[in-house]
PDB file of N, CA and C in Angstrom:
ATOM      1  N   UNK A   1      -3.051  -1.230   7.260  1.00  0.00           N
ATOM      2  CA  UNK A   1      -3.147  -0.127   8.456  1.00  0.00           C
ATOM      3  C   UNK A   1      -1.723   0.231   9.298  1.00  0.00           C
ATOM      4  N   UNK A   2      -0.334  -0.347   8.870  1.00  0.00           N
ATOM      5  CA  UNK A   2       0.631   0.083   9.696  1.00  0.00           C
ATOM      6  C   UNK A   2       0.913   1.653   8.674  1.00  0.00           C
ATOM      7  N   UNK A   3       0.634   1.981   7.797  1.00  0.00           N
ATOM      8  CA  UNK A   3       0.714   3.144   7.062  1.00  0.00           C
ATOM      9  C   UNK A   3      -0.283   3.984   7.400  1.00  0.00           C
ATOM     10  N   UNK A   4       0.143   5.199   7.298  1.00  0.00           N
ATOM     11  CA  UNK A   4      -0.913   6.315   7.353  1.00  0.00           C
ATOM     12  C   UNK A   4      -1.968   6.378   6.380  1.00  0.00           C
ATOM     13  N   UNK A   5      -3.343   6.834   7.085  1.00  0.00           N
ATOM     14  CA  UNK A   5      -4.069   6.529   5.464  1.00  0.00           C
ATOM     15  C   UNK A   5      -3.661   7.647   4.092  1.00  0.00           C
ATOM     16  N   UNK A   6      -3.562   7.514   3.317  1.00  0.00           N
ATOM     17  CA  UNK A   6      -3.441   7.635   1.975  1.00  0.00           C
ATOM     18  C   UNK A   6      -1.857   7.771   1.417  1.00  0.00           C
ATOM     19  N   UNK A   7      -1.283   7.349   2.332  1.00  0.00           N
ATOM     20  CA  UNK A   7       0.423   6.731   2.120  1.00  0.00           C
ATOM     21  C   UNK A   7       0.344   5.782   1.248  1.00  0.00           C
ATOM     22  N   UNK A   8       1.590   6.489   0.564  1.00  0.00           N
ATOM     23  CA  UNK A   8       1.716   4.690  -0.646  1.00  0.00           C
ATOM     24  C   UNK A   8       3.594   4.481  -0.138  1.00  0.00           C
ATOM     25  N   UNK A   9       3.565   3.365  -0.484  1.00  0.00           N
ATOM     26  CA  UNK A   9       4.926   2.634  -0.195  1.00  0.00           C
ATOM     27  C   UNK A   9       5.181   1.495  -1.180  1.00  0.00           C
ATOM     28  N   UNK A  10       6.237   1.817  -2.091  1.00  0.00           N
ATOM     29  CA  UNK A  10       6.312   0.344  -2.812  1.00  0.00           C
ATOM     30  C   UNK A  10       7.743  -0.057  -2.161  1.00  0.00           C
ATOM     31  N   UNK A  11       7.575  -1.720  -2.411  1.00  0.00           N
ATOM     32  CA  UNK A  11       8.713  -2.097  -1.784  1.00  0.00           C
ATOM     33  C   UNK A  11       9.076  -3.199  -2.949  1.00  0.00           C
ATOM     34  N   UNK A  12      10.264  -3.394  -3.169  1.00  0.00           N
ATOM     35  CA  UNK A  12      10.472  -4.659  -3.737  1.00  0.00           C
ATOM     36  C   UNK A  12      10.539  -5.812  -3.424  1.00  0.00           C
ATOM     37  N   UNK A  13      10.076  -6.384  -2.357  1.00  0.00           N
ATOM     38  CA  UNK A  13       9.987  -7.462  -1.566  1.00  0.00           C
ATOM     39  C   UNK A  13       9.773  -7.396  -0.459  1.00  0.00           C
ATOM     40  N   UNK A  14       9.557  -8.782   0.246  1.00  0.00           N
ATOM     41  CA  UNK A  14       9.005  -8.354   1.231  1.00  0.00           C
ATOM     42  C   UNK A  14       8.452 -10.156   1.977  1.00  0.00           C
ATOM     43  N   UNK A  15       7.985  -9.831   3.505  1.00  0.00           N
ATOM     44  CA  UNK A  15       7.054 -10.936   3.802  1.00  0.00           C
ATOM     45  C   UNK A  15       6.074 -10.829   4.147  1.00  0.00           C
ATOM     46  N   UNK A  16       4.910 -11.215   3.942  1.00  0.00           N
ATOM     47  CA  UNK A  16       3.522 -11.239   3.766  1.00  0.00           C
ATOM     48  C   UNK A  16       2.673 -10.825   5.224  1.00  0.00           C
ATOM     49  N   UNK A  17       3.662 -11.325   6.531  1.00  0.00           N
ATOM     50  CA  UNK A  17       3.026 -10.774   6.992  1.00  0.00           C
ATOM     51  C   UNK A  17       1.759 -11.149   8.160  1.00  0.00           C
ATOM     52  N   UNK A  18       1.144 -10.613   8.470  1.00  0.00           N
ATOM     53  CA  UNK A  18      -0.479 -11.347   8.624  1.00  0.00           C
ATOM     54  C   UNK A  18      -1.660 -11.494   7.689  1.00  0.00           C
ATOM     55  N   UNK A  19      -0.692 -11.252   6.427  1.00  0.00           N
ATOM     56  CA  UNK A  19      -2.256 -10.956   5.138  1.00  0.00           C
ATOM     57  C   UNK A  19      -2.195 -12.664   4.661  1.00  0.00           C
ATOM     58  N   UNK A  20      -3.129 -13.331   4.650  1.00  0.00           N
ATOM     59  CA  UNK A  20      -3.284 -14.281   4.339  1.00  0.00           C
ATOM     60  C   UNK A  20      -3.277 -14.152   2.339  1.00  0.00           C
ATOM     61  N   UNK A  21      -3.823 -13.637   2.040  1.00  0.00           N
ATOM     62  CA  UNK A  21      -3.535 -13.738   0.342  1.00  0.00           C
ATOM     63  C   UNK A  21      -2.376 -13.675   0.208  1.00  0.00           C
ATOM     64  N   UNK A  22      -1.467 -12.673   0.376  1.00  0.00           N
ATOM     65  CA  UNK A  22      -0.070 -12.512  -0.099  1.00  0.00           C
ATOM     66  C   UNK A  22       0.553 -13.983   0.340  1.00  0.00           C
ATOM     67  N   UNK A  23       0.335 -14.349   1.666  1.00  0.00           N
ATOM     68  CA  UNK A  23       1.082 -15.655   2.158  1.00  0.00           C
ATOM     69  C   UNK A  23       1.111 -16.717   1.317  1.00  0.00           C
ATOM     70  N   UNK A  24      -0.191 -16.774   0.434  1.00  0.00           N
ATOM     71  CA  UNK A  24      -0.851 -17.806  -0.332  1.00  0.00           C
ATOM     72  C   UNK A  24       0.197 -17.883  -1.779  1.00  0.00           C
ATOM     73  N   UNK A  25      -0.008 -16.357  -1.955  1.00  0.00           N
ATOM     74  CA  UNK A  25       0.907 -16.072  -3.284  1.00  0.00           C
ATOM     75  C   UNK A  25       2.591 -16.535  -3.038  1.00  0.00           C
ATOM     76  N   UNK A  26       3.036 -16.104  -1.859  1.00  0.00           N
ATOM     77  CA  UNK A  26       4.306 -16.280  -1.872  1.00  0.00           C
ATOM     78  C   UNK A  26       4.867 -17.761  -1.529  1.00  0.00           C
ATOM     79  N   UNK A  27       3.795 -18.992  -0.804  1.00  0.00           N
ATOM     80  CA  UNK A  27       3.993 -19.961  -1.422  1.00  0.00           C
ATOM     81  C   UNK A  27       4.610 -20.742  -2.654  1.00  0.00           C
ATOM     82  N   UNK A  28       3.401 -19.976  -3.685  1.00  0.00           N
ATOM     83  CA  UNK A  28       3.820 -20.053  -4.749  1.00  0.00           C
ATOM     84  C   UNK A  28       4.423 -19.684  -5.859  1.00  0.00           C
ATOM     85  N   UNK A  29       5.035 -18.540  -5.506  1.00  0.00           N
ATOM     86  CA  UNK A  29       6.147 -17.847  -6.569  1.00  0.00           C
ATOM     87  C   UNK A  29       7.396 -17.535  -4.958  1.00  0.00           C
ATOM     88  N   UNK A  30       7.556 -17.450  -4.112  1.00  0.00           N
ATOM     89  CA  UNK A  30       8.349 -16.847  -3.285  1.00  0.00           C
ATOM     90  C   UNK A  30       7.839 -15.028  -3.002  1.00  0.00           C
ATOM     91  N   UNK A  31       8.907 -14.307  -2.359  1.00  0.00           N
ATOM     92  CA  UNK A  31       8.734 -13.345  -1.896  1.00  0.00           C
ATOM     93  C   UNK A  31       9.646 -12.269  -2.850  1.00  0.00           C
ATOM     94  N   UNK A  32       9.638 -12.421  -3.701  1.00  0.00           N
ATOM     95  CA  UNK A  32      10.723 -11.830  -4.512  1.00  0.00           C
ATOM     96  C   UNK A  32       9.997 -11.244  -5.697  1.00  0.00           C
ATOM     97  N   UNK A  33       8.674 -10.185  -5.383  1.00  0.00           N
ATOM     98  CA  UNK A  33       7.907  -9.537  -5.585  1.00  0.00           C
ATOM     99  C   UNK A  33       7.602  -8.045  -5.158  1.00  0.00           C
ATOM    100  N   UNK A  34       7.105  -7.027  -6.428  1.00  0.00           N
ATOM    101  CA  UNK A  34       7.449  -5.821  -5.783  1.00  0.00           C
ATOM    102  C   UNK A  34       5.446  -5.627  -5.422  1.00  0.00           C
ATOM    103  N   UNK A  35       5.918  -4.519  -4.667  1.00  0.00           N
ATOM    104  CA  UNK A  35       4.211  -4.508  -4.335  1.00  0.00           C
ATOM    105  C   UNK A  35       3.871  -2.771  -3.401  1.00  0.00           C
ATOM    106  N   UNK A  36       2.962  -2.527  -3.801  1.00  0.00           N
ATOM    107  CA  UNK A  36       2.591  -0.985  -3.717  1.00  0.00           C
ATOM    108  C   UNK A  36       0.840  -1.190  -2.481  1.00  0.00           C
ATOM    109  N   UNK A  37       2.154  -0.602  -1.393  1.00  0.00           N
ATOM    110  CA  UNK A  37       1.521  -0.420  -0.809  1.00  0.00           C
ATOM    111  C   UNK A  37       0.171   0.921  -0.345  1.00  0.00           C
ATOM    112  N   UNK A  38      -0.744   0.784   0.266  1.00  0.00           N
ATOM    113  CA  UNK A  38      -2.111   1.857   0.678  1.00  0.00           C
ATOM    114  C   UNK A  38      -2.502   1.839   1.666  1.00  0.00           C
ATOM    115  N   UNK A  39      -2.132   2.801   2.646  1.00  0.00           N
ATOM    116  CA  UNK A  39      -2.305   2.782   4.052  1.00  0.00           C
ATOM    117  C   UNK A  39      -3.471   3.403   4.232  1.00  0.00           C
ATOM    118  N   UNK A  40      -4.631   2.777   4.876  1.00  0.00           N
ATOM    119  CA  UNK A  40      -6.153   3.040   5.397  1.00  0.00           C
ATOM    120  C   UNK A  40      -5.869   3.546   6.790  1.00  0.00           C
ATOM    121  N   UNK A  41      -4.719   3.648   7.531  1.00  0.00           N
ATOM    122  CA  UNK A  41      -4.934   4.193   8.817  1.00  0.00           C
ATOM    123  C   UNK A  41      -5.006   2.989  10.041  1.00  0.00           C
ATOM    124  N   UNK A  42      -5.618   3.685  10.695  1.00  0.00           N
ATOM    125  CA  UNK A  42      -5.829   2.559  12.114  1.00  0.00           C
ATOM    126  C   UNK A  42      -6.355   3.176  13.060  1.00  0.00           C
ATOM    127  N   UNK A  43      -7.651   3.962  12.801  1.00  0.00           N
ATOM    128  CA  UNK A  43      -8.114   4.603  13.492  1.00  0.00           C
ATOM    129  C   UNK A  43      -9.734   3.866  13.292  1.00  0.00           C
ATOM    130  N   UNK A  44      -9.853   2.821  14.779  1.00  0.00           N
ATOM    131  CA  UNK A  44     -10.512   1.503  14.584  1.00  0.00           C
ATOM    132  C   UNK A  44     -10.447   1.796  15.497  1.00  0.00           C
ATOM    133  N   UNK A  45     -11.762   0.704  16.466  1.00  0.00           N
ATOM    134  CA  UNK A  45     -11.533   0.457  17.925  1.00  0.00           C
ATOM    135  C   UNK A  45     -11.351  -0.857  17.893  1.00  0.00           C
ATOM    136  N   UNK A  46     -10.187  -0.863  19.207  1.00  0.00           N
ATOM    137  CA  UNK A  46      -9.518  -2.062  19.430  1.00  0.00           C
ATOM    138  C   UNK A  46     -10.639  -3.470  19.580  1.00  0.00           C
ATOM    139  N   UNK A  47      -9.993  -4.550  18.839  1.00  0.00           N
ATOM    140  CA  UNK A  47     -10.817  -5.862  18.034  1.00  0.00           C
ATOM    141  C   UNK A  47     -11.614  -5.431  17.110  1.00  0.00           C
ATOM    142  N   UNK A  48     -11.819  -4.090  16.287  1.00  0.00           N
ATOM    143  CA  UNK A  48     -12.789  -4.132  15.476  1.00  0.00           C
ATOM    144  C   UNK A  48     -11.517  -4.198  13.737  1.00  0.00           C
ATOM    145  N   UNK A  49     -10.786  -4.637  13.752  1.00  0.00           N
ATOM    146  CA  UNK A  49      -9.839  -4.324  12.613  1.00  0.00           C
ATOM    147  C   UNK A  49     -10.350  -4.980  11.246  1.00  0.00           C
ATOM    148  N   UNK A  50     -10.623  -6.167  11.810  1.00  0.00           N
ATOM    149  CA  UNK A  50     -11.318  -6.518  10.345  1.00  0.00           C
ATOM    150  C   UNK A  50     -12.337  -6.155   9.716  1.00  0.00           C
ATOM    151  N   UNK A  51     -13.379  -5.930  10.666  1.00  0.00           N
ATOM    152  CA  UNK A  51     -14.765  -4.879   9.649  1.00  0.00           C
ATOM    153  C   UNK A  51     -13.849  -3.019   9.029  1.00  0.00           C
ATOM    154  N   UNK A  52     -13.056  -2.490   9.712  1.00  0.00           N
ATOM    155  CA  UNK A  52     -12.319  -1.851   9.325  1.00  0.00           C
ATOM    156  C   UNK A  52     -11.454  -2.079   8.170  1.00  0.00           C
ATOM    157  N   UNK A  53     -10.856  -3.016   8.299  1.00  0.00           N
ATOM    158  CA  UNK A  53     -10.214  -3.317   6.605  1.00  0.00           C
ATOM    159  C   UNK A  53     -10.637  -3.579   5.572  1.00  0.00           C
ATOM    160  N   UNK A  54     -12.087  -4.236   5.875  1.00  0.00           N
ATOM    161  CA  UNK A  54     -12.964  -4.908   4.607  1.00  0.00           C
ATOM    162  C   UNK A  54     -14.000  -3.605   4.676  1.00  0.00           C
ATOM    163  N   UNK A  55     -14.527  -3.116   5.359  1.00  0.00           N
ATOM    164  CA  UNK A  55     -15.361  -2.136   5.544  1.00  0.00           C
ATOM    165  C   UNK A  55     -15.134  -0.864   4.067  1.00  0.00           C
ATOM    166  N   UNK A  56     -15.928  -0.750   3.913  1.00  0.00           N
ATOM    167  CA  UNK A  56     -16.266   0.565   2.661  1.00  0.00           C
ATOM    168  C   UNK A  56     -15.241   1.808   3.774  1.00  0.00           C
ATOM    169  N   UNK A  57     -15.154   2.579   2.910  1.00  0.00           N
ATOM    170  CA  UNK A  57     -14.442   3.795   2.596  1.00  0.00           C
ATOM    171  C   UNK A  57     -15.470   5.079   3.285  1.00  0.00           C
ATOM    172  N   UNK A  58     -15.583   6.152   4.229  1.00  0.00           N
ATOM    173  CA  UNK A  58     -16.246   6.748   4.156  1.00  0.00           C
ATOM    174  C   UNK A  58     -16.200   8.113   2.535  1.00  0.00           C
ATOM    175  N   UNK A  59     -17.243   8.421   2.429  1.00  0.00           N
ATOM    176  CA  UNK A  59     -17.425   9.537   1.408  1.00  0.00           C
ATOM    177  C   UNK A  59     -16.042  10.732   1.202  1.00  0.00           C
ATOM    178  N   UNK A  60     -15.925  11.012   2.983  1.00  0.00           N
ATOM    179  CA  UNK A  60     -14.717  11.695   3.028  1.00  0.00           C
ATOM    180  C   UNK A  60     -13.530  11.146   2.733  1.00  0.00           C
ATOM    181  N   UNK A  61     -13.378  10.062   3.288  1.00  0.00           N
ATOM    182  CA  UNK A  61     -12.383   9.095   2.708  1.00  0.00           C
ATOM    183  C   UNK A  61     -11.779   8.822   0.491  1.00  0.00           C
ATOM    184  N   UNK A  62     -13.222   8.764   0.367  1.00  0.00           N
ATOM    185  CA  UNK A  62     -12.855   8.301  -1.204  1.00  0.00           C
ATOM    186  C   UNK A  62     -12.415   9.654  -1.662  1.00  0.00           C
ATOM    187  N   UNK A  63     -13.442  10.762  -1.554  1.00  0.00           N
ATOM    188  CA  UNK A  63     -12.931  12.300  -1.738  1.00  0.00           C
ATOM    189  C   UNK A  63     -11.244  12.291  -1.772  1.00  0.00           C
ATOM    190  N   UNK A  64     -10.957  11.926  -0.288  1.00  0.00           N
ATOM    191  CA  UNK A  64      -9.002  11.972  -0.346  1.00  0.00           C
ATOM    192  C   UNK A  64      -8.131  11.053  -0.978  1.00  0.00           C
ATOM    193  N   UNK A  65      -9.444  10.009  -1.723  1.00  0.00           N
ATOM    194  CA  UNK A  65      -8.510   8.785  -2.345  1.00  0.00           C
ATOM    195  C   UNK A  65      -8.119   8.983  -3.154  1.00  0.00           C
ATOM    196  N   UNK A  66      -9.088   9.933  -4.249  1.00  0.00           N
ATOM    197  CA  UNK A  66      -8.521   9.849  -5.774  1.00  0.00           C
ATOM    198  C   UNK A  66      -7.154  10.537  -5.599  1.00  0.00           C
ATOM    199  N   UNK A  67      -6.524  11.369  -5.104  1.00  0.00           N
ATOM    200  CA  UNK A  67      -5.566  11.977  -5.701  1.00  0.00           C
ATOM    201  C   UNK A  67      -4.303  11.049  -5.462  1.00  0.00           C
ATOM    202  N   UNK A  68      -4.765  10.172  -4.037  1.00  0.00           N
ATOM    203  CA  UNK A  68      -3.549   9.139  -3.794  1.00  0.00           C
ATOM    204  C   UNK A  68      -3.823   8.233  -5.078  1.00  0.00           C
ATOM    205  N   UNK A  69      -5.138   7.700  -5.574  1.00  0.00           N
ATOM    206  CA  UNK A  69      -4.593   7.042  -6.861  1.00  0.00           C
ATOM    207  C   UNK A  69      -3.891   7.253  -7.874  1.00  0.00           C
ATOM    208  N   UNK A  70      -4.227   8.800  -8.344  1.00  0.00           N
ATOM    209  CA  UNK A  70      -4.007   9.227  -9.460  1.00  0.00           C
ATOM    210  C   UNK A  70      -1.965   8.970  -9.090  1.00  0.00           C
ATOM    211  N   UNK A  71      -1.803   9.452  -8.222  1.00  0.00           N
ATOM    212  CA  UNK A  71      -0.230   8.785  -7.677  1.00  0.00           C
ATOM    213  C   UNK A  71       0.518   7.451  -7.925  1.00  0.00           C
ATOM    214  N   UNK A  72      -0.366   6.637  -7.311  1.00  0.00           N
ATOM    215  CA  UNK A  72      -0.360   5.334  -7.839  1.00  0.00           C
ATOM    216  C   UNK A  72      -0.138   5.107  -8.833  1.00  0.00           C
ATOM    217  N   UNK A  73      -0.645   5.625  -9.952  1.00  0.00           N
ATOM    218  CA  UNK A  73      -1.190   5.387 -11.561  1.00  0.00           C
ATOM    219  C   UNK A  73       0.834   5.736 -11.765  1.00  0.00           C
ATOM    220  N   UNK A  74       1.174   6.800 -11.627  1.00  0.00           N
ATOM    221  CA  UNK A  74       2.127   7.069 -11.542  1.00  0.00           C
ATOM    222  C   UNK A  74       3.401   6.421 -11.387  1.00  0.00           C
ATOM    223  N   UNK A  75       3.007   5.968  -9.850  1.00  0.00           N
ATOM    224  CA  UNK A  75       4.312   4.886  -8.972  1.00  0.00           C
ATOM    225  C   UNK A  75       4.202   3.824 -10.414  1.00  0.00           C
ATOM    226  N   UNK A  76       3.267   3.238 -10.975  1.00  0.00           N
ATOM    227  CA  UNK A  76       2.818   2.333 -11.381  1.00  0.00           C
ATOM    228  C   UNK A  76       3.613   2.150 -12.639  1.00  0.00           C
ATOM    229  N   UNK A  77       3.900   3.645 -13.274  1.00  0.00           N
ATOM    230  CA  UNK A  77       4.361   3.528 -14.392  1.00  0.00           C
ATOM    231  C   UNK A  77       5.641   3.787 -14.411  1.00  0.00           C
ATOM    232  N   UNK A  78       6.198   4.398 -13.398  1.00  0.00           N
ATOM    233  CA  UNK A  78       7.415   4.675 -13.577  1.00  0.00           C
ATOM    234  C   UNK A  78       7.983   3.034 -13.268  1.00  0.00           C
ATOM    235  N   UNK A  79       7.902   2.206 -12.124  1.00  0.00           N
ATOM    236  CA  UNK A  79       8.244   1.073 -11.801  1.00  0.00           C
ATOM    237  C   UNK A  79       8.366   0.175 -13.282  1.00  0.00           C
ATOM    238  N   UNK A  80       7.332   0.310 -13.986  1.00  0.00           N
ATOM    239  CA  UNK A  80       7.465  -0.478 -15.962  1.00  0.00           C
ATOM    240  C   UNK A  80       8.511  -0.033 -16.265  1.00  0.00           C
ATOM    241  N   UNK A  81       8.814   1.526 -16.522  1.00  0.00           N
ATOM    242  CA  UNK A  81       9.508   2.321 -16.893  1.00  0.00           C
ATOM    243  C   UNK A  81      10.835   2.343 -16.817  1.00  0.00           C
ATOM    244  N   UNK A  82      10.818   2.215 -15.651  1.00  0.00           N
ATOM    245  CA  UNK A  82      12.050   2.949 -14.998  1.00  0.00           C
ATOM    246  C   UNK A  82      12.878   1.877 -13.662  1.00  0.00           C
ATOM    247  N   UNK A  83      11.683   0.767 -13.548  1.00  0.00           N
ATOM    248  CA  UNK A  83      12.546  -0.145 -12.240  1.00  0.00           C
ATOM    249  C   UNK A  83      11.854   0.146 -10.618  1.00  0.00           C
ATOM    250  N   UNK A  84      12.155  -0.573 -10.020  1.00  0.00           N
ATOM    251  CA  UNK A  84      11.982  -0.908  -8.735  1.00  0.00           C
ATOM    252  C   UNK A  84      12.691   0.093  -8.113  1.00  0.00           C
ATOM    253  N   UNK A  85      13.984  -0.474  -8.185  1.00  0.00           N
ATOM    254  CA  UNK A  85      15.074   1.366  -7.095  1.00  0.00           C
ATOM    255  C   UNK A  85      14.467   2.593  -7.533  1.00  0.00           C
ATOM    256  N   UNK A  86      14.491   3.132  -8.098  1.00  0.00           N
ATOM    257  CA  UNK A  86      14.160   3.897  -9.048  1.00  0.00           C
ATOM    258  C   UNK A  86      12.875   4.762  -8.580  1.00  0.00           C
ATOM    259  N   UNK A  87      11.934   3.536  -8.662  1.00  0.00           N
ATOM    260  CA  UNK A  87      10.939   4.230  -8.333  1.00  0.00           C
ATOM    261  C   UNK A  87      11.015   4.172  -6.339  1.00  0.00           C
ATOM    262  N   UNK A  88      11.609   3.416  -6.216  1.00  0.00           N
ATOM    263  CA  UNK A  88      11.051   3.505  -4.475  1.00  0.00           C
ATOM    264  C   UNK A  88      12.208   4.988  -4.078  1.00  0.00           C
ATOM    265  N   UNK A  89      13.011   5.242  -4.794  1.00  0.00           N
ATOM    266  CA  UNK A  89      13.699   6.510  -4.233  1.00  0.00           C
ATOM    267  C   UNK A  89      12.698   7.341  -4.631  1.00  0.00           C
ATOM    268  N   UNK A  90      12.370   7.763  -5.921  1.00  0.00           N
ATOM    269  CA  UNK A  90      11.825   8.817  -6.332  1.00  0.00           C
ATOM    270  C   UNK A  90       9.886   8.952  -4.984  1.00  0.00           C
ATOM    271  N   UNK A  91       9.558   7.757  -5.045  1.00  0.00           N
ATOM    272  CA  UNK A  91       8.707   8.113  -4.574  1.00  0.00           C
ATOM    273  C   UNK A  91       8.248   7.785  -2.583  1.00  0.00           C
ATOM    274  N   UNK A  92       9.216   6.825  -2.259  1.00  0.00           N
ATOM    275  CA  UNK A  92       9.168   6.639  -0.643  1.00  0.00           C
ATOM    276  C   UNK A  92       9.823   7.539   0.223  1.00  0.00           C
ATOM    277  N   UNK A  93       9.734   9.245  -0.646  1.00  0.00           N
ATOM    278  CA  UNK A  93      10.079   9.491   0.432  1.00  0.00           C
ATOM    279  C   UNK A  93       9.773  10.171   1.728  1.00  0.00           C
ATOM    280  N   UNK A  94       9.956  10.219   2.792  1.00  0.00           N
ATOM    281  CA  UNK A  94       9.165  10.154   4.012  1.00  0.00           C
ATOM    282  C   UNK A  94       8.334  11.851   4.269  1.00  0.00           C
ATOM    283  N   UNK A  95       7.508  11.916   4.588  1.00  0.00           N
ATOM    284  CA  UNK A  95       7.050  13.760   4.428  1.00  0.00           C
ATOM    285  C   UNK A  95       7.590  14.205   5.505  1.00  0.00           C
ATOM    286  N   UNK A  96       7.649  15.672   5.558  1.00  0.00           N
ATOM    287  CA  UNK A  96       8.688  16.306   6.491  1.00  0.00           C
ATOM    288  C   UNK A  96       7.639  16.527   7.834  1.00  0.00           C
ATOM    289  N   UNK A  97       6.318  16.138   8.074  1.00  0.00           N
ATOM    290  CA  UNK A  97       5.559  16.718   9.387  1.00  0.00           C
ATOM    291  C   UNK A  97       5.811  16.060  10.359  1.00  0.00           C
TER     292      UNK A  97
END
């Protein structure tokens, strides 16, 4: 929710933040693993974060996510073939808006 809807960010390592699932993984293997974050935005009423995060995407959002997921596949391929640093430099560019 900290990334705008449809934004992709590759990270080489980091904390779990408030993500309980990642917290458990980090207890087992540490923080030194790459993760691809997909932004879902934060357009939800106050106190409705859980329902928003765990809810379904709207039809419009689902359509908008198709090219995002295609780019995610490109990022994963680049990560496997070129490594995290090159891939982050190529794909984690800030938008000029």
